[in-house]
Each structure stands twice: as structure tokens, then as C-alpha cells.
Amino acid sequence: MTHETDTELFRLTIQGVTPLTPDGRIAPTPAKTRPLRRPTPPPAPTPDVLRDPHEHAYAPEEFLRNGLSRMTLRKLRRGQFPVQDELDLHGLTSESARSLLQTFLAAAAQNRFRCVNIIHGKGRTPDGSDGLLKRHTRHWLTQHPQVLAFCEPAAMHGGGGAVWVLLRAGAT
């Protein structure tokens, strides 16, 4: 069959059909969808697993959990793990900071975040040592079971006033 034959056949088929007028048409409306309702489990209480360091404890610049490759820390230092969330502890008391840090790390693990940024500030004491919040935060991070490694980011990302924290993959 040729093109002309197809056209003639179509015209014969629709011969007695009356087309709708444009103003008589009903515009289609999108189907209404309801979001799936999944019950969200109540947040489990965050266990207090962090202990305060000794008064003159050293605040490590970096930390790597035993059994991990130094290459992991190098990748973290180079920013090869994108930061997925951030917590700013400026101006908090030690107790408030510890509680907030535990809650934040639990939420980050639940959201399956791999890398987070914790801002604690530099805070110098009169004798020139690191500030209390800086020492405590870094000490707490070494104790937390979800923390695999941490390091100071480059100066443009907070330097000594922050830490990039690598968390367990798929941790809950």
C-alpha cells in the first residue's frame, strides 16, 4: 500500500464522525496521589557512651580507628568524602555539647551519612593550650563506636576549629 492509499482509507473510516468543538473539551487533571504513610519509629534514646577526658588531656589533630588503612585518613584529609551534615557547638557548655554531639552522631548514622563536620571552635586557655570544648569534642569522638576517623580540615574549611568525621558505612 502506498501513502495515498493509507490517507484515503483513513478518510473513509472517519467519514461520519463529528469532531468535538475546542471549548467543549475537558482538560485532563492529574490524578491525586497520597504520599505513602509509613509509621516512623519513635527515636530511640541516645545512650550516653561518652566520658569526659582528664583535665589536661591532649586534643589529637587526627584519629584513625585500629585496623583501618592510613589511606582512609589521607582521603578524609584531602576531602574525598563529601561532608553531608554539620554541627556547630560554639557557645555550648561541655555537658550540652556532649549531649548534642551524641544525638547528632546517632542521627547521622541513622541517615547513613559517611562524613560530617563538627565545629567546636579553637578556644585557647590562658596557658596557651587548646580550649576545653575542642579537647572534649575530640576526646569524645575517639570513644564513639560509629567514628572511624577524624582530622582537621584545611584552614578554609575551619582548620583547628573543626573536625571532619568519617562514620561507619551503613551504620544504624
C-alpha atoms as a PDB file:
ATOM      1  CA  MET A   1       0.000   0.000   0.000  1.00  0.00           C
ATOM      2  CA  THR A   2       1.110   3.487  -0.734  1.00  0.00           C
ATOM      3  CA  HIS A   3       0.890   6.609   1.334  1.00  0.00           C
ATOM      4  CA  GLU A   4      -2.044   7.882  -0.710  1.00  0.00           C
ATOM      5  CA  THR A   5      -3.958   4.660  -0.135  1.00  0.00           C
ATOM      6  CA  ASP A   6      -3.470   4.939   3.653  1.00  0.00           C
ATOM      7  CA  THR A   7      -4.766   8.509   3.635  1.00  0.00           C
ATOM      8  CA  GLU A   8      -7.828   7.536   1.597  1.00  0.00           C
ATOM      9  CA  LEU A   9      -8.537   4.583   3.876  1.00  0.00           C
ATOM     10  CA  PHE A  10      -8.335   6.827   6.970  1.00  0.00           C
ATOM     11  CA  ARG A  11     -10.729   9.370   5.440  1.00  0.00           C
ATOM     12  CA  LEU A  12     -13.232   6.618   4.594  1.00  0.00           C
ATOM     13  CA  THR A  13     -13.022   5.306   8.160  1.00  0.00           C
ATOM     14  CA  ILE A  14     -13.796   8.650   9.841  1.00  0.00           C
ATOM     15  CA  GLN A  15     -16.369   9.717   7.268  1.00  0.00           C
ATOM     16  CA  GLY A  16     -19.421  10.258   9.505  1.00  0.00           C
ATOM     17  CA  VAL A  17     -17.541  11.423  12.611  1.00  0.00           C
ATOM     18  CA  THR A  18     -18.240  14.893  14.009  1.00  0.00           C
ATOM     19  CA  PRO A  19     -15.193  16.478  15.656  1.00  0.00           C
ATOM     20  CA  LEU A  20     -15.542  17.957  19.127  1.00  0.00           C
ATOM     21  CA  THR A  21     -15.528  21.708  19.412  1.00  0.00           C
ATOM     22  CA  PRO A  22     -12.432  23.059  21.206  1.00  0.00           C
ATOM     23  CA  ASP A  23     -14.423  24.761  24.001  1.00  0.00           C
ATOM     24  CA  GLY A  24     -16.319  21.532  24.733  1.00  0.00           C
ATOM     25  CA  ARG A  25     -13.207  19.664  25.687  1.00  0.00           C
ATOM     26  CA  ILE A  26     -12.402  18.833  29.270  1.00  0.00           C
ATOM     27  CA  ALA A  27      -8.802  19.353  30.269  1.00  0.00           C
ATOM     28  CA  PRO A  28      -7.300  16.313  31.942  1.00  0.00           C
ATOM     29  CA  THR A  29      -6.432  16.741  35.598  1.00  0.00           C
ATOM     30  CA  PRO A  30      -3.552  14.932  37.183  1.00  0.00           C
ATOM     31  CA  ALA A  31      -4.553  12.076  39.415  1.00  0.00           C
ATOM     32  CA  LYS A  32      -4.431  12.918  43.085  1.00  0.00           C
ATOM     33  CA  THR A  33      -1.828  10.865  44.839  1.00  0.00           C
ATOM     34  CA  ARG A  34      -1.443  10.498  48.531  1.00  0.00           C
ATOM     35  CA  PRO A  35       2.006  10.003  49.965  1.00  0.00           C
ATOM     36  CA  LEU A  36       2.650   6.604  51.405  1.00  0.00           C
ATOM     37  CA  ARG A  37       2.239   6.698  55.123  1.00  0.00           C
ATOM     38  CA  ARG A  38       4.869   4.711  56.849  1.00  0.00           C
ATOM     39  CA  PRO A  39       4.907   4.739  60.581  1.00  0.00           C
ATOM     40  CA  THR A  40       8.082   6.376  61.754  1.00  0.00           C
ATOM     41  CA  PRO A  41       9.502   4.623  64.750  1.00  0.00           C
ATOM     42  CA  PRO A  42       9.972   6.831  67.768  1.00  0.00           C
ATOM     43  CA  PRO A  43      13.579   7.880  68.127  1.00  0.00           C
ATOM     44  CA  ALA A  44      15.418   5.583  70.448  1.00  0.00           C
ATOM     45  CA  PRO A  45      17.022   7.297  73.397  1.00  0.00           C
ATOM     46  CA  THR A  46      20.645   8.002  72.661  1.00  0.00           C
ATOM     47  CA  PRO A  47      22.819   6.129  75.143  1.00  0.00           C
ATOM     48  CA  ASP A  48      25.450   8.178  76.919  1.00  0.00           C
ATOM     49  CA  VAL A  49      28.623   6.425  75.760  1.00  0.00           C
ATOM     50  CA  LEU A  50      30.966   9.395  76.031  1.00  0.00           C
ATOM     51  CA  ARG A  51      33.122  10.154  79.045  1.00  0.00           C
ATOM     52  CA  ASP A  52      34.906  13.398  79.765  1.00  0.00           C
ATOM     53  CA  PRO A  53      38.697  13.428  79.397  1.00  0.00           C
ATOM     54  CA  HIS A  54      41.129  14.147  82.173  1.00  0.00           C
ATOM     55  CA  GLU A  55      41.642  17.807  82.942  1.00  0.00           C
ATOM     56  CA  HIS A  56      44.874  18.119  80.955  1.00  0.00           C
ATOM     57  CA  ALA A  57      44.041  15.679  78.165  1.00  0.00           C
ATOM     58  CA  TYR A  58      45.565  16.277  74.742  1.00  0.00           C
ATOM     59  CA  ALA A  59      43.227  17.053  71.814  1.00  0.00           C
ATOM     60  CA  PRO A  60      44.502  14.953  68.894  1.00  0.00           C
ATOM     61  CA  GLU A  61      44.562  16.622  65.481  1.00  0.00           C
ATOM     62  CA  GLU A  62      43.573  13.348  63.883  1.00  0.00           C
ATOM     63  CA  PHE A  63      42.300   9.909  64.800  1.00  0.00           C
ATOM     64  CA  LEU A  64      42.149   6.580  62.991  1.00  0.00           C
ATOM     65  CA  ARG A  65      40.393   3.542  64.424  1.00  0.00           C
ATOM     66  CA  ASN A  66      42.625   0.465  64.814  1.00  0.00           C
ATOM     67  CA  GLY A  67      42.635  -1.835  61.800  1.00  0.00           C
ATOM     68  CA  LEU A  68      41.957   0.876  59.215  1.00  0.00           C
ATOM     69  CA  SER A  69      44.388   1.879  56.499  1.00  0.00           C
ATOM     70  CA  ARG A  70      46.239   5.185  56.797  1.00  0.00           C
ATOM     71  CA  MET A  71      44.979   5.750  53.251  1.00  0.00           C
ATOM     72  CA  THR A  72      41.485   6.257  54.730  1.00  0.00           C
ATOM     73  CA  LEU A  73      42.753   9.149  56.832  1.00  0.00           C
ATOM     74  CA  ARG A  74      44.611  10.587  53.834  1.00  0.00           C
ATOM     75  CA  LYS A  75      41.408  10.508  51.745  1.00  0.00           C
ATOM     76  CA  LEU A  76      39.489  12.196  54.570  1.00  0.00           C
ATOM     77  CA  ARG A  77      42.156  14.906  54.880  1.00  0.00           C
ATOM     78  CA  ARG A  78      42.010  15.530  51.118  1.00  0.00           C
ATOM     79  CA  GLY A  79      38.227  15.959  51.221  1.00  0.00           C
ATOM     80  CA  GLN A  80      37.473  12.850  49.158  1.00  0.00           C
ATOM     81  CA  PHE A  81      34.492  12.085  51.393  1.00  0.00           C
ATOM     82  CA  PRO A  82      31.837  14.774  50.837  1.00  0.00           C
ATOM     83  CA  VAL A  83      30.598  16.400  54.044  1.00  0.00           C
ATOM     84  CA  GLN A  84      26.917  15.525  54.370  1.00  0.00           C
ATOM     85  CA  ASP A  85      25.967  17.382  57.552  1.00  0.00           C
ATOM     86  CA  GLU A  86      27.389  19.836  60.048  1.00  0.00           C
ATOM     87  CA  LEU A  87      27.112  20.529  63.766  1.00  0.00           C
ATOM     88  CA  ASP A  88      28.182  23.788  65.385  1.00  0.00           C
ATOM     89  CA  LEU A  89      28.950  23.543  69.111  1.00  0.00           C
ATOM     90  CA  HIS A  90      30.051  27.171  69.625  1.00  0.00           C
ATOM     91  CA  GLY A  91      28.897  28.689  72.886  1.00  0.00           C
ATOM     92  CA  LEU A  92      27.633  25.468  74.448  1.00  0.00           C
ATOM     93  CA  THR A  93      28.557  24.126  77.842  1.00  0.00           C
ATOM     94  CA  SER A  94      30.540  20.909  77.929  1.00  0.00           C
ATOM     95  CA  GLU A  95      27.507  18.904  79.068  1.00  0.00           C
ATOM     96  CA  SER A  96      25.213  20.402  76.393  1.00  0.00           C
ATOM     97  CA  ALA A  97      27.841  19.843  73.707  1.00  0.00           C
ATOM     98  CA  ARG A  98      28.307  16.193  74.706  1.00  0.00           C
ATOM     99  CA  SER A  99      24.565  15.524  74.641  1.00  0.00           C
ATOM    100  CA  LEU A 100      24.086  17.311  71.316  1.00  0.00           C
ATOM    101  CA  LEU A 101      27.090  15.532  69.789  1.00  0.00           C
ATOM    102  CA  GLN A 102      25.713  12.107  70.746  1.00  0.00           C
ATOM    103  CA  THR A 103      22.293  12.939  69.318  1.00  0.00           C
ATOM    104  CA  PHE A 104      23.844  14.338  66.138  1.00  0.00           C
ATOM    105  CA  LEU A 105      26.057  11.285  65.579  1.00  0.00           C
ATOM    106  CA  ALA A 106      23.103   8.937  66.159  1.00  0.00           C
ATOM    107  CA  ALA A 107      21.016  10.860  63.606  1.00  0.00           C
ATOM    108  CA  ALA A 108      23.917  10.905  61.130  1.00  0.00           C
ATOM    109  CA  ALA A 109      24.310   7.138  61.472  1.00  0.00           C
ATOM    110  CA  GLN A 110      20.561   6.620  61.045  1.00  0.00           C
ATOM    111  CA  ASN A 111      20.651   8.738  57.865  1.00  0.00           C
ATOM    112  CA  ARG A 112      23.640   6.694  56.687  1.00  0.00           C
ATOM    113  CA  PHE A 113      25.887   9.733  56.447  1.00  0.00           C
ATOM    114  CA  ARG A 114      29.541   8.899  55.852  1.00  0.00           C
ATOM    115  CA  CYS A 115      31.219  12.216  56.612  1.00  0.00           C
ATOM    116  CA  VAL A 116      30.156  15.076  58.875  1.00  0.00           C
ATOM    117  CA  ASN A 117      31.751  18.317  60.034  1.00  0.00           C
ATOM    118  CA  ILE A 118      31.842  19.179  63.731  1.00  0.00           C
ATOM    119  CA  ILE A 119      32.665  22.807  64.542  1.00  0.00           C
ATOM    120  CA  HIS A 120      33.930  23.229  68.094  1.00  0.00           C
ATOM    121  CA  GLY A 121      35.970  26.418  67.792  1.00  0.00           C
ATOM    122  CA  LYS A 122      39.633  26.880  68.645  1.00  0.00           C
ATOM    123  CA  GLY A 123      39.270  28.313  72.136  1.00  0.00           C
ATOM    124  CA  ARG A 124      42.627  28.961  73.757  1.00  0.00           C
ATOM    125  CA  THR A 125      43.187  28.881  77.505  1.00  0.00           C
ATOM    126  CA  PRO A 126      45.382  31.477  79.268  1.00  0.00           C
ATOM    127  CA  ASP A 127      48.266  28.991  79.409  1.00  0.00           C
ATOM    128  CA  GLY A 128      48.121  28.574  75.589  1.00  0.00           C
ATOM    129  CA  SER A 129      46.652  25.063  75.471  1.00  0.00           C
ATOM    130  CA  ASP A 130      43.627  24.050  73.422  1.00  0.00           C
ATOM    131  CA  GLY A 131      40.199  25.139  74.596  1.00  0.00           C
ATOM    132  CA  LEU A 132      38.033  22.890  76.728  1.00  0.00           C
ATOM    133  CA  LEU A 133      35.353  22.254  74.092  1.00  0.00           C
ATOM    134  CA  LYS A 134      37.959  21.392  71.461  1.00  0.00           C
ATOM    135  CA  ARG A 135      39.690  18.872  73.745  1.00  0.00           C
ATOM    136  CA  HIS A 136      36.442  17.338  74.942  1.00  0.00           C
ATOM    137  CA  THR A 137      34.894  17.047  71.468  1.00  0.00           C
ATOM    138  CA  ARG A 138      37.919  15.283  70.031  1.00  0.00           C
ATOM    139  CA  HIS A 139      38.199  13.016  73.061  1.00  0.00           C
ATOM    140  CA  TRP A 140      34.502  12.097  72.789  1.00  0.00           C
ATOM    141  CA  LEU A 141      34.877  11.319  69.087  1.00  0.00           C
ATOM    142  CA  THR A 142      37.647   8.797  69.810  1.00  0.00           C
ATOM    143  CA  GLN A 143      35.219   6.970  72.136  1.00  0.00           C
ATOM    144  CA  HIS A 144      32.174   6.894  69.868  1.00  0.00           C
ATOM    145  CA  PRO A 145      31.651   3.476  68.220  1.00  0.00           C
ATOM    146  CA  GLN A 146      30.426   4.949  64.897  1.00  0.00           C
ATOM    147  CA  VAL A 147      33.508   7.155  64.419  1.00  0.00           C
ATOM    148  CA  LEU A 148      36.169   5.568  62.224  1.00  0.00           C
ATOM    149  CA  ALA A 149      38.437   8.569  61.804  1.00  0.00           C
ATOM    150  CA  PHE A 150      38.641  12.317  62.095  1.00  0.00           C
ATOM    151  CA  CYS A 151      41.021  15.064  61.053  1.00  0.00           C
ATOM    152  CA  GLU A 152      41.275  18.823  60.962  1.00  0.00           C
ATOM    153  CA  PRO A 153      40.084  20.242  57.662  1.00  0.00           C
ATOM    154  CA  ALA A 154      42.092  22.788  55.688  1.00  0.00           C
ATOM    155  CA  ALA A 155      42.091  26.348  57.050  1.00  0.00           C
ATOM    156  CA  MET A 156      39.467  27.452  54.516  1.00  0.00           C
ATOM    157  CA  HIS A 157      37.083  24.809  55.948  1.00  0.00           C
ATOM    158  CA  GLY A 158      37.605  25.602  59.629  1.00  0.00           C
ATOM    159  CA  GLY A 159      41.146  24.408  60.333  1.00  0.00           C
ATOM    160  CA  GLY A 160      41.824  23.754  64.022  1.00  0.00           C
ATOM    161  CA  GLY A 161      38.328  24.902  64.989  1.00  0.00           C
ATOM    162  CA  ALA A 162      36.602  21.942  63.350  1.00  0.00           C
ATOM    163  CA  VAL A 163      36.952  18.253  62.539  1.00  0.00           C
ATOM    164  CA  TRP A 164      35.811  16.181  59.596  1.00  0.00           C
ATOM    165  CA  VAL A 165      34.474  12.912  60.975  1.00  0.00           C
ATOM    166  CA  LEU A 166      34.265   9.670  58.995  1.00  0.00           C
ATOM    167  CA  LEU A 167      31.457   7.388  60.163  1.00  0.00           C
ATOM    168  CA  ARG A 168      30.850   3.688  59.642  1.00  0.00           C
ATOM    169  CA  ALA A 169      29.185   2.930  56.305  1.00  0.00           C
ATOM    170  CA  GLY A 170      25.571   1.839  56.632  1.00  0.00           C
ATOM    171  CA  ALA A 171      25.672   2.253  60.399  1.00  0.00           C
ATOM    172  CA  THR A 172      22.396   2.366  62.258  1.00  0.00           C
END
